[in-house]
Protein backbone atom coordinates (compact mmCIF):
# COMPACT_ATOMS: atom_id res chain seq x y z
CA MET A 1 132.40 107.15 47.98
CA SER A 2 132.55 109.28 51.28
CA ARG A 3 133.76 110.05 54.16
CA VAL A 4 130.88 111.50 56.48
CA PRO A 5 132.32 112.24 60.26
CA SER A 6 129.49 111.09 62.52
CA THR A 7 127.55 114.52 64.61
CA PRO A 8 126.18 113.30 67.72
CA ALA A 9 122.60 114.43 68.17
CA ALA A 10 121.70 116.55 71.52
CA GLY A 11 119.36 114.94 73.61
CA ALA A 12 117.21 112.29 72.70
CA ALA A 13 117.33 113.49 68.54
CA ALA A 14 115.34 111.27 66.49
CA PRO A 15 117.26 109.05 63.74
CA ASP A 16 119.23 110.89 61.29
CA PRO A 17 117.95 109.68 57.58
CA ALA A 18 121.01 110.34 55.96
CA ARG A 19 122.37 108.58 59.00
CA GLN A 20 120.13 105.28 58.21
CA ARG A 21 120.85 105.47 54.39
CA GLN A 22 124.67 105.33 54.83
CA ALA A 23 124.30 101.79 57.63
CA LEU A 24 122.17 100.35 55.19
CA SER A 25 124.65 101.47 52.40
CA VAL A 26 127.50 99.78 54.35
CA LEU A 27 125.39 96.60 55.81
CA CYS A 28 124.92 95.51 52.12
CA VAL A 29 128.36 96.05 50.55
CA SER A 30 129.61 94.50 53.45
CA THR A 31 127.89 91.50 53.15
CA LEU A 32 128.34 91.37 49.46
CA ALA A 33 132.18 91.70 49.86
CA PHE A 34 132.15 88.71 52.45
CA THR A 35 130.03 86.77 50.14
CA VAL A 36 132.88 86.77 47.81
CA CYS A 37 135.46 86.40 50.24
CA PHE A 38 133.76 83.35 51.70
CA MET A 39 132.84 81.96 48.22
CA VAL A 40 136.92 82.15 47.45
CA TRP A 41 137.60 81.04 51.31
CA MET A 42 135.67 77.73 50.45
CA MET A 43 137.06 77.30 46.54
CA PHE A 44 139.10 74.01 47.27
CA GLY A 45 136.19 72.18 48.63
CA VAL A 46 135.18 71.94 44.67
CA ILE A 47 138.39 72.23 43.16
CA GLY A 48 139.91 70.21 45.36
CA ILE A 49 138.47 66.84 43.84
CA PRO A 50 139.77 67.33 40.11
CA ILE A 51 143.48 68.50 42.28
CA ARG A 52 143.14 65.30 44.59
CA LYS A 53 142.76 62.97 41.45
CA ALA A 54 145.14 64.72 39.51
CA LEU A 55 148.17 64.56 42.44
CA ASP A 56 146.65 61.00 43.76
CA LEU A 57 146.49 62.72 47.19
CA SER A 58 145.29 60.49 49.74
CA ALA A 59 142.55 61.44 52.35
CA THR A 60 144.37 63.18 54.87
CA GLN A 61 145.76 64.87 51.95
CA PHE A 62 142.85 66.19 50.64
CA GLY A 63 141.73 67.32 54.26
CA LEU A 64 145.23 69.41 54.01
CA LEU A 65 144.63 71.01 51.13
CA THR A 66 141.04 72.56 51.64
CA ALA A 67 142.09 73.14 54.88
CA THR A 68 145.09 75.11 54.51
CA PRO A 69 143.19 78.77 53.41
CA VAL A 70 141.27 78.18 56.68
CA LEU A 71 144.31 78.35 58.98
CA THR A 72 145.71 81.70 57.53
CA GLY A 73 142.35 82.88 57.36
CA SER A 74 141.92 82.15 61.36
CA LEU A 75 145.17 83.62 62.18
CA VAL A 76 144.49 86.65 60.61
CA ARG A 77 141.44 87.26 62.38
CA VAL A 78 142.62 88.75 66.09
CA PRO A 79 144.89 91.38 63.78
CA LEU A 80 142.17 92.08 61.32
CA GLY A 81 140.06 93.28 64.29
CA LEU A 82 142.40 95.13 66.36
CA TRP A 83 143.35 96.75 63.08
CA THR A 84 139.82 97.28 62.21
CA ASP A 85 139.05 99.08 65.79
CA ARG A 86 142.25 101.41 65.27
CA PHE A 87 141.45 102.02 61.40
CA GLY A 88 137.93 101.81 60.57
CA GLY A 89 136.61 98.44 58.43
CA ARG A 90 136.47 100.09 55.40
CA ILE A 91 140.27 100.56 54.12
CA VAL A 92 140.94 97.38 55.77
CA MET A 93 138.54 95.49 53.92
CA VAL A 94 139.42 96.70 51.06
CA LEU A 95 142.92 96.07 51.21
CA LEU A 96 141.83 92.81 52.26
CA MET A 97 140.67 91.58 49.36
CA LEU A 98 143.25 93.87 46.69
CA ALA A 99 145.92 91.48 49.19
CA CYS A 100 144.11 88.19 47.74
CA VAL A 101 143.83 88.30 43.87
CA LEU A 102 147.21 88.00 42.65
CA PRO A 103 147.45 84.75 44.94
CA ILE A 104 143.93 83.57 43.72
CA TRP A 105 145.16 83.71 40.10
CA LEU A 106 148.17 81.70 40.23
CA ILE A 107 146.26 78.57 41.75
CA ALA A 108 145.40 78.06 38.12
CA TYR A 109 149.38 77.31 37.29
CA ALA A 110 149.90 75.57 39.95
CA THR A 111 151.63 71.94 39.55
CA GLU A 112 152.63 70.37 42.75
CA PHE A 113 150.80 69.45 46.24
CA TRP A 114 153.26 72.30 47.66
CA HIS A 115 151.72 74.92 45.14
CA PHE A 116 148.40 74.89 46.45
CA LEU A 117 149.51 74.90 49.78
CA VAL A 118 151.58 77.54 49.28
CA LEU A 119 149.01 80.17 47.60
CA GLY A 120 146.17 78.56 49.77
CA LEU A 121 148.02 79.92 52.20
CA PHE A 122 147.85 83.63 50.82
CA VAL A 123 144.61 82.66 49.56
CA GLY A 124 143.14 82.19 53.37
CA LEU A 125 143.31 85.90 54.27
CA ALA A 126 140.37 86.09 52.78
CA GLY A 127 138.41 84.44 55.25
CA GLY A 128 139.81 87.15 57.90
CA SER A 129 136.48 89.50 56.45
CA PHE A 130 134.91 88.43 58.86
CA SER A 131 136.74 90.11 61.79
CA VAL A 132 136.52 93.21 60.00
CA GLY A 133 132.99 93.23 58.91
CA THR A 134 131.18 92.32 61.90
CA PRO A 135 132.64 95.27 64.07
CA TYR A 136 132.58 97.79 61.14
CA VAL A 137 128.84 96.78 60.02
CA ALA A 138 127.76 97.02 64.14
CA ARG A 139 128.62 100.26 64.90
CA TRP A 140 126.89 101.60 62.51
CA PHE A 141 123.55 100.29 64.50
CA PRO A 142 121.85 100.43 67.27
CA PRO A 143 122.06 98.11 70.34
CA GLN A 144 118.54 96.81 69.51
CA ARG A 145 119.80 96.37 65.98
CA LYS A 146 123.09 94.76 66.14
CA GLY A 147 121.65 90.87 66.61
CA PHE A 148 119.93 91.13 63.32
CA ALA A 149 122.83 93.58 61.60
CA MET A 150 125.70 90.76 62.01
CA GLY A 151 123.37 88.07 61.46
CA VAL A 152 122.02 89.98 57.86
CA TYR A 153 126.19 90.27 57.31
CA GLY A 154 126.90 86.84 58.90
CA ALA A 155 124.89 85.69 55.89
CA GLY A 156 127.79 85.97 53.41
CA ASN A 157 128.64 82.47 55.15
CA SER A 158 126.29 81.54 51.98
CA GLY A 159 129.25 82.03 49.49
CA ALA A 160 130.21 78.29 50.75
CA ALA A 161 126.77 77.88 48.81
CA VAL A 162 127.65 79.98 45.97
CA ASN A 163 130.88 77.93 45.28
CA LYS A 164 129.16 74.75 45.10
CA PHE A 165 126.77 76.59 42.40
CA VAL A 166 129.41 78.21 40.78
CA ALA A 167 132.75 76.93 40.81
CA PRO A 168 131.34 72.52 39.47
CA ALA A 169 129.79 74.45 36.55
CA LEU A 170 132.86 76.15 35.46
CA VAL A 171 134.97 72.86 36.16
CA LEU A 172 132.92 70.92 34.11
CA ALA A 173 132.21 73.63 31.06
CA LEU A 174 136.05 74.96 31.20
CA GLY A 175 138.24 72.87 33.20
CA TRP A 176 139.04 73.36 36.91
CA THR A 177 141.83 76.36 36.25
CA ALA A 178 138.87 78.49 35.20
CA VAL A 179 137.84 78.87 39.05
CA PRO A 180 140.47 80.76 39.95
CA GLN A 181 141.05 83.26 37.38
CA VAL A 182 137.18 83.51 37.30
CA TYR A 183 137.51 84.47 41.00
CA ALA A 184 140.31 86.68 41.55
CA ALA A 185 138.50 89.01 38.55
CA VAL A 186 135.05 88.95 40.87
CA LEU A 187 137.08 89.75 44.08
CA LEU A 188 138.90 92.99 41.74
CA GLY A 189 135.34 93.96 40.89
CA THR A 190 133.83 93.47 44.67
CA ALA A 191 136.75 95.62 46.34
CA LEU A 192 136.17 98.19 43.94
CA LEU A 193 132.67 98.72 44.61
CA PHE A 194 132.94 97.97 48.04
CA TRP A 195 135.07 101.30 48.16
CA MET A 196 132.46 102.81 46.24
CA PHE A 197 129.55 102.51 48.26
CA SER A 198 130.88 102.25 52.05
CA HIS A 199 131.42 105.13 54.52
CA SER A 200 133.97 105.87 57.01
CA ASP A 201 133.04 107.46 60.39
CA PRO A 202 136.01 108.79 62.72
CA SER A 203 133.93 108.48 65.96
CA HIS A 204 134.02 104.25 65.45
CA THR A 205 137.65 103.84 65.60
CA VAL A 206 139.73 103.25 69.06
CA PRO A 207 142.04 106.66 70.08
CA ALA A 208 145.67 105.90 69.54
CA SER A 209 146.08 106.62 73.24
CA VAL A 210 145.06 103.08 73.56
CA THR A 211 147.21 100.50 73.16
CA LEU A 212 147.05 96.83 71.96
CA ALA A 213 147.79 96.00 75.61
CA ASP A 214 144.53 97.88 76.47
CA GLN A 215 143.01 96.20 74.03
CA LEU A 216 143.43 92.44 75.03
CA LYS A 217 142.72 93.48 78.96
CA CYS A 218 139.45 91.94 78.27
CA LEU A 219 140.36 88.74 76.82
CA LYS A 220 141.45 87.40 80.35
CA ASP A 221 137.75 87.18 80.93
CA PRO A 222 136.65 83.04 80.83
CA ARG A 223 133.37 83.56 78.94
CA VAL A 224 135.80 84.47 75.91
CA LEU A 225 137.17 80.74 76.18
CA LYS A 226 133.54 79.17 76.17
CA TYR A 227 132.23 81.67 73.45
CA CYS A 228 135.32 80.26 71.52
CA GLN A 229 133.97 76.65 72.00
CA TYR A 230 130.83 77.43 71.14
CA TYR A 231 131.77 79.40 68.20
CA SER A 232 134.12 76.25 66.82
CA ILE A 233 131.29 74.21 66.32
CA VAL A 234 128.71 76.28 65.13
CA PHE A 235 131.36 78.08 62.84
CA GLY A 236 133.82 75.99 62.21
CA GLY A 237 131.89 72.37 61.89
CA TYR A 238 129.98 74.98 59.14
CA VAL A 239 133.35 75.83 57.59
CA ALA A 240 134.72 72.35 57.86
CA LEU A 241 131.62 70.07 56.32
CA SER A 242 130.97 72.82 53.84
CA LEU A 243 135.17 71.92 52.40
CA TRP A 244 134.10 67.94 52.92
CA MET A 245 130.50 67.22 51.72
CA VAL A 246 130.92 67.70 47.93
CA GLN A 247 133.55 64.53 48.65
CA TYR A 248 131.12 62.65 50.72
CA TYR A 249 128.50 62.68 48.66
CA VAL A 250 130.72 61.23 46.07
CA GLY A 251 132.17 59.06 47.51
CA GLU A 252 129.06 57.79 49.67
CA TYR A 253 126.70 57.97 47.57
CA GLY A 254 128.50 57.53 44.11
CA LEU A 255 126.85 61.01 42.84
CA ASP A 256 128.62 63.43 40.00
CA LEU A 257 130.69 66.52 40.90
CA ARG A 258 127.55 68.74 39.94
CA VAL A 259 124.59 66.78 41.54
CA ALA A 260 127.03 66.06 44.98
CA ALA A 261 127.99 70.22 45.23
CA LEU A 262 123.88 70.50 44.58
CA LEU A 263 123.23 68.74 47.60
CA ALA A 264 125.76 70.11 49.54
CA ALA A 265 124.42 73.11 49.37
CA CYS A 266 121.18 72.22 51.01
CA PHE A 267 123.67 72.29 54.46
CA SER A 268 125.96 75.88 53.44
CA LEU A 269 122.73 77.48 51.44
CA PRO A 270 121.03 77.37 55.05
CA GLY A 271 123.80 77.61 57.39
CA GLY A 272 124.91 81.03 55.60
CA VAL A 273 121.37 82.61 54.60
CA LEU A 274 119.27 82.57 57.45
CA ARG A 275 122.29 84.03 60.16
CA ALA A 276 120.14 86.79 59.95
CA ILE A 277 116.90 85.22 61.47
CA GLY A 278 119.46 83.35 64.10
CA GLY A 279 120.22 87.44 64.80
CA TRP A 280 116.58 88.30 65.06
CA LEU A 281 115.71 85.90 67.07
CA SER A 282 119.05 86.40 69.94
CA ASP A 283 117.45 89.84 69.81
CA LYS A 284 113.95 88.88 70.55
CA TYR A 285 115.01 85.82 72.77
CA GLY A 286 118.73 86.29 74.00
CA ALA A 287 121.92 84.71 72.85
CA HIS A 288 121.55 82.38 75.47
CA SER A 289 118.14 80.87 75.02
CA VAL A 290 118.88 80.56 71.11
CA THR A 291 122.32 78.80 71.63
CA TRP A 292 121.11 76.50 73.76
CA TRP A 293 118.89 74.76 71.33
CA VAL A 294 121.16 75.16 68.66
CA LEU A 295 123.12 73.08 70.65
CA TRP A 296 120.45 70.52 71.58
CA VAL A 297 119.37 70.46 67.92
CA SER A 298 122.87 69.61 66.32
CA TRP A 299 123.35 66.99 69.48
CA ILE A 300 120.38 65.19 67.59
CA CYS A 301 121.44 65.74 63.90
CA LEU A 302 124.70 64.53 64.35
CA PHE A 303 124.11 61.33 66.75
CA LEU A 304 121.79 60.10 63.16
CA LEU A 305 124.41 61.03 61.09
CA SER A 306 127.02 59.33 62.83
CA TYR A 307 125.71 55.90 62.38
CA PRO A 308 127.79 54.57 59.15
CA GLN A 309 125.90 52.10 56.57
CA THR A 310 125.27 48.61 58.26
CA GLU A 311 124.69 45.24 57.36
CA PHE A 312 124.37 43.00 59.89
CA THR A 313 122.82 38.80 60.29
CA VAL A 314 119.92 38.03 62.80
CA THR A 315 119.40 34.68 63.60
CA THR A 316 115.73 33.77 63.88
CA VAL A 317 113.71 30.49 63.94
CA ALA A 318 113.47 30.50 60.12
CA GLY A 319 117.10 30.79 59.85
CA PRO A 320 119.47 33.83 59.32
CA ARG A 321 118.21 36.93 58.21
CA SER A 322 120.40 39.68 57.07
CA PHE A 323 119.27 43.54 57.76
CA SER A 324 120.85 46.59 56.38
CA LEU A 325 120.68 50.21 58.26
CA GLY A 326 121.71 53.23 56.99
CA LEU A 327 120.72 56.53 56.33
CA ASN A 328 119.83 56.93 51.98
CA VAL A 329 120.51 59.76 50.31
CA TYR A 330 117.36 61.84 50.87
CA ALA A 331 117.37 61.56 54.68
CA PHE A 332 121.17 62.47 54.84
CA THR A 333 120.55 66.07 52.76
CA ALA A 334 117.15 66.39 55.41
CA LEU A 335 119.16 66.06 58.33
CA MET A 336 122.54 68.22 56.93
CA PHE A 337 119.49 70.70 55.97
CA VAL A 338 118.61 70.63 59.73
CA LEU A 339 121.83 71.07 61.00
CA GLY A 340 122.81 74.01 58.36
CA ILE A 341 119.95 76.17 59.97
CA ALA A 342 120.79 75.78 63.52
CA TRP A 343 124.34 76.36 63.20
CA ALA A 344 122.75 79.53 61.39
CA PHE A 345 121.04 80.36 64.22
CA GLY A 346 124.06 79.43 66.39
CA LYS A 347 126.72 81.47 64.64
CA ALA A 348 124.05 84.89 65.19
CA SER A 349 123.47 84.26 68.68
CA VAL A 350 127.13 83.65 69.77
CA PHE A 351 127.92 87.23 68.18
CA LYS A 352 125.12 88.40 69.95
CA TYR A 353 127.07 87.26 73.61
CA ILE A 354 129.96 89.35 72.57
CA ALA A 355 127.77 92.70 71.74
CA ASP A 356 126.10 92.57 74.62
CA ASP A 357 128.98 91.67 76.94
CA TYR A 358 132.03 93.76 74.69
CA PRO A 359 130.48 96.43 73.08
CA GLU A 360 133.31 98.77 72.96
CA ARG A 361 135.57 95.64 71.75
CA ILE A 362 133.79 94.15 69.36
CA GLY A 363 136.76 93.75 66.86
CA ALA A 364 139.01 92.39 69.32
CA ILE A 365 136.69 90.21 71.10
CA SER A 366 135.49 88.99 67.36
CA GLY A 367 138.51 88.45 66.47
CA VAL A 368 139.42 85.83 68.81
CA VAL A 369 136.28 83.99 68.66
CA GLY A 370 136.68 84.12 65.16
CA LEU A 371 139.79 82.85 65.22
CA ALA A 372 139.01 79.53 67.59
CA GLY A 373 136.06 78.92 65.09
CA GLY A 374 138.03 79.16 62.18
CA LEU A 375 140.81 77.12 63.43
CA GLY A 376 138.37 74.18 63.93
CA GLY A 377 137.50 74.78 60.24
CA PHE A 378 141.15 74.15 59.85
CA VAL A 379 141.89 71.54 62.51
CA LEU A 380 138.33 69.66 61.42
CA PRO A 381 138.96 68.43 57.91
CA ILE A 382 142.65 67.23 58.44
CA LEU A 383 141.33 65.22 61.95
CA PHE A 384 137.88 64.05 59.19
CA GLY A 385 140.65 62.71 56.50
CA LEU A 386 143.03 61.10 59.56
CA LEU A 387 139.78 59.22 60.94
CA LEU A 388 138.78 58.25 57.31
CA ASP A 389 142.37 56.75 56.43
CA LEU A 390 142.55 55.03 59.56
CA THR A 391 138.82 53.58 60.05
CA GLY A 392 137.30 53.58 56.61
CA ILE A 393 134.28 55.33 57.79
CA ARG A 394 132.85 58.30 56.19
CA ALA A 395 130.50 58.69 59.08
CA SER A 396 133.32 59.09 61.72
CA ALA A 397 133.48 62.77 60.89
CA PHE A 398 130.32 63.32 62.46
CA MET A 399 131.15 61.06 65.40
CA LEU A 400 133.75 63.40 66.23
CA LEU A 401 131.82 66.73 65.59
CA TYR A 402 129.15 64.48 68.33
CA GLY A 403 131.88 64.87 70.65
CA VAL A 404 132.74 68.32 70.06
CA VAL A 405 128.97 69.52 70.65
CA TRP A 406 128.60 67.14 73.85
CA VAL A 407 131.92 69.04 75.22
CA SER A 408 130.06 72.55 74.43
CA LEU A 409 126.41 71.58 76.29
CA ILE A 410 128.03 70.46 79.07
CA TRP A 411 129.74 73.29 79.84
CA MET A 412 127.00 75.69 79.01
CA TYR A 413 124.64 73.57 81.21
CA PHE A 414 127.56 74.07 84.37
CA THR A 415 127.78 77.83 83.57
CA GLU A 416 124.32 79.16 82.80
CA VAL A 417 121.62 76.71 82.66
CA ARG A 418 121.60 75.74 86.10
CA ARG A 419 120.75 79.51 86.89
CA THR A 420 119.07 80.54 84.09
CA ARG A 421 115.68 80.00 82.60
CA VAL A 422 115.17 79.13 79.02
CA MET A 423 111.64 78.24 78.96
CA GLY A 424 108.59 80.16 79.28
CA ALA A 425 107.83 84.41 79.61
CA ALA A 426 111.47 84.49 81.96
CA ALA A 427 113.47 83.42 79.07
CA ALA A 428 113.13 86.19 77.11
CA ALA A 429 113.92 88.45 79.96
């Protein structure tokens, strides 16, 4: 544990080895903290299944149960980003994790639907960790490495996959009530480790003379709205599907909880871990080029995933013949795997936009963009449940996401693509 102020070097001095070690330490413990926070944030995606059976919840109620923590995690992103700019990421991250420990523990004693919803709101604070760690980590690295550093930190999204490995094993071995108890203990231990191995730099904070209004002035820029739209699909869609996929596999393909969680991790794991590669690609080729291709790959995958299981009869010269059309579990998982990779790259490229355009206001802007992505993760599971209750078609979730991607592609085309080269030697420049 240390608090070391930065000492600007005269001229173009070589990088300070001690400073580089501090930056690496900050990156490692911040990524660990974000992984654990994200694992906690996604908890209801697994334990919600036995809770749904016990309380006899509808698909819409299940969507609300899984999405409630996402709401709080989204709404607190803006103030957390601003507080990080003002007070520094180290103290804000530690206090955030400690504030979540008791509500997580109390989930094991909840018995009514409203109990879970209220506690879920407090547990959702863990999701706000992204808006703390992103500016905190980014300020420790030079501009040419910010995209990679934020990508590594963002790989903590893989906590969604960790949850799918750990939670089902705990549910089957000890019952679902063991999950929040274990997660509370893990989060407490992570907070202590973070405090021991992280560092502070007073030069990374916004001076006290800068007001909240000053920090938010740049939000009038229409580019921020566009980045919010992009992030609502690459992050909001990722969160929504991470919460929804386990019960989707159980209902659509009749798998048991452990196998369903394992296959769902084929989407969640690359969607988190490969974010660092997305950051590297964004540093090399630019945020625009990476985001453009991410949206097209998403469009193709979601088009195929949107087609429901179908049986139809065709009248032929030899009489009626019946056909079945739909994705089997292997093709479905392969498409989800590709979609997870695309969204991992997209999450990194959107924040590369922010680091390039708003280097002095990363906390405030990332908080707003993170809010948009988090709200997408809150609204989408509820809409998935509503569509399932109304249509009875599980693939309707992908139909909705397909429409959201269309909006992003059209918006990007008219604001960027028509005047930007995305192929050839000029693309990187």
